[in-house]
Amino acid sequence: MDVPEEDGVVFIKREKELELGSFIECKITKVSDYDLIGEM
């Protein structure tokens, strides 16, 4: 179920500073047990 302490997160390597709430395209490059790692 949805548990804030254990829900997954998407970590993104970024090339520039982003504004809060902005949308970007990213490619998922790695997967861990609960999280995704991607890059712009």
N, C-alpha and C. Protein backbone atom coordinates (compact mmCIF):
# COMPACT_ATOMS: atom_id res chain seq x y z
N MET A 1 0.84 -1.19 0.00
CA MET A 1 0.00 0.00 0.00
C MET A 1 0.88 1.25 0.00
N ASP A 2 0.28 2.38 -0.04
CA ASP A 2 1.03 3.63 -0.07
C ASP A 2 1.48 4.03 1.33
N VAL A 3 2.75 3.90 1.57
CA VAL A 3 3.35 4.28 2.85
C VAL A 3 4.42 5.32 2.55
N PRO A 4 4.24 6.58 2.99
CA PRO A 4 5.20 7.64 2.65
C PRO A 4 6.64 7.31 3.02
N GLU A 5 6.86 6.59 4.10
CA GLU A 5 8.22 6.27 4.52
C GLU A 5 8.87 5.24 3.61
N GLU A 6 8.08 4.51 2.81
CA GLU A 6 8.64 3.43 2.02
C GLU A 6 8.29 3.50 0.54
N ASP A 7 7.52 4.51 0.12
CA ASP A 7 7.20 4.63 -1.29
C ASP A 7 8.46 4.96 -2.07
N GLY A 8 8.51 4.50 -3.31
CA GLY A 8 9.68 4.73 -4.15
C GLY A 8 9.84 6.19 -4.56
N VAL A 9 11.05 6.51 -4.97
CA VAL A 9 11.41 7.86 -5.40
C VAL A 9 12.12 7.74 -6.74
N VAL A 10 12.00 8.76 -7.58
CA VAL A 10 12.77 8.82 -8.82
C VAL A 10 13.87 9.86 -8.63
N PHE A 11 15.13 9.42 -8.69
CA PHE A 11 16.28 10.33 -8.61
C PHE A 11 16.72 10.64 -10.03
N ILE A 12 16.91 11.92 -10.35
CA ILE A 12 17.26 12.32 -11.71
C ILE A 12 18.54 13.14 -11.69
N LYS A 13 19.53 12.70 -12.48
CA LYS A 13 20.72 13.52 -12.71
C LYS A 13 20.29 14.65 -13.63
N ARG A 14 20.56 15.87 -13.24
CA ARG A 14 20.09 16.99 -14.05
C ARG A 14 21.25 17.85 -14.51
N GLU A 15 21.03 18.53 -15.61
CA GLU A 15 22.06 19.36 -16.22
C GLU A 15 21.95 20.81 -15.77
N LYS A 16 20.78 21.20 -15.28
CA LYS A 16 20.57 22.59 -14.87
C LYS A 16 19.58 22.62 -13.72
N GLU A 17 19.49 23.77 -13.07
CA GLU A 17 18.54 23.95 -11.97
C GLU A 17 17.12 23.96 -12.53
N LEU A 18 16.20 23.34 -11.82
CA LEU A 18 14.80 23.27 -12.26
C LEU A 18 13.91 24.00 -11.29
N GLU A 19 12.81 24.53 -11.81
CA GLU A 19 11.82 25.18 -10.95
C GLU A 19 10.93 24.11 -10.34
N LEU A 20 10.52 24.36 -9.10
CA LEU A 20 9.62 23.44 -8.42
C LEU A 20 8.34 23.28 -9.23
N GLY A 21 7.93 22.06 -9.46
CA GLY A 21 6.70 21.78 -10.20
C GLY A 21 6.88 21.67 -11.70
N SER A 22 8.11 21.81 -12.20
CA SER A 22 8.33 21.73 -13.64
C SER A 22 8.33 20.27 -14.10
N PHE A 23 8.01 20.07 -15.35
CA PHE A 23 8.00 18.74 -15.96
C PHE A 23 9.21 18.62 -16.87
N ILE A 24 9.83 17.44 -16.85
CA ILE A 24 10.96 17.17 -17.75
C ILE A 24 10.81 15.77 -18.31
N GLU A 25 11.56 15.49 -19.37
CA GLU A 25 11.64 14.13 -19.87
C GLU A 25 12.93 13.54 -19.32
N CYS A 26 12.86 12.29 -18.85
CA CYS A 26 14.06 11.64 -18.37
C CYS A 26 14.04 10.17 -18.81
N LYS A 27 15.22 9.61 -18.85
CA LYS A 27 15.39 8.20 -19.19
C LYS A 27 15.80 7.47 -17.93
N ILE A 28 15.08 6.42 -17.57
CA ILE A 28 15.41 5.62 -16.41
C ILE A 28 16.60 4.74 -16.78
N THR A 29 17.70 4.87 -16.02
CA THR A 29 18.93 4.14 -16.34
C THR A 29 19.25 3.03 -15.36
N LYS A 30 18.71 3.10 -14.14
CA LYS A 30 18.96 2.06 -13.13
C LYS A 30 17.71 1.89 -12.27
N VAL A 31 17.62 0.73 -11.66
CA VAL A 31 16.51 0.42 -10.76
C VAL A 31 17.09 -0.17 -9.49
N SER A 32 16.62 0.33 -8.35
CA SER A 32 17.00 -0.29 -7.08
C SER A 32 15.76 -0.97 -6.50
N ASP A 33 15.83 -1.43 -5.29
CA ASP A 33 14.69 -2.16 -4.71
C ASP A 33 13.40 -1.36 -4.73
N TYR A 34 13.47 -0.07 -4.35
CA TYR A 34 12.26 0.73 -4.26
C TYR A 34 12.31 2.01 -5.09
N ASP A 35 13.46 2.35 -5.66
CA ASP A 35 13.64 3.62 -6.32
C ASP A 35 14.08 3.45 -7.77
N LEU A 36 13.90 4.52 -8.54
CA LEU A 36 14.37 4.57 -9.92
C LEU A 36 15.43 5.64 -10.04
N ILE A 37 16.42 5.44 -10.90
CA ILE A 37 17.46 6.42 -11.15
C ILE A 37 17.43 6.73 -12.64
N GLY A 38 17.39 8.03 -12.94
CA GLY A 38 17.31 8.42 -14.33
C GLY A 38 18.18 9.62 -14.62
N GLU A 39 18.19 10.04 -15.89
CA GLU A 39 18.92 11.23 -16.28
C GLU A 39 18.14 11.97 -17.36
N MET A 40 18.42 13.27 -17.42
CA MET A 40 17.72 14.12 -18.40
C MET A 40 18.19 13.81 -19.80
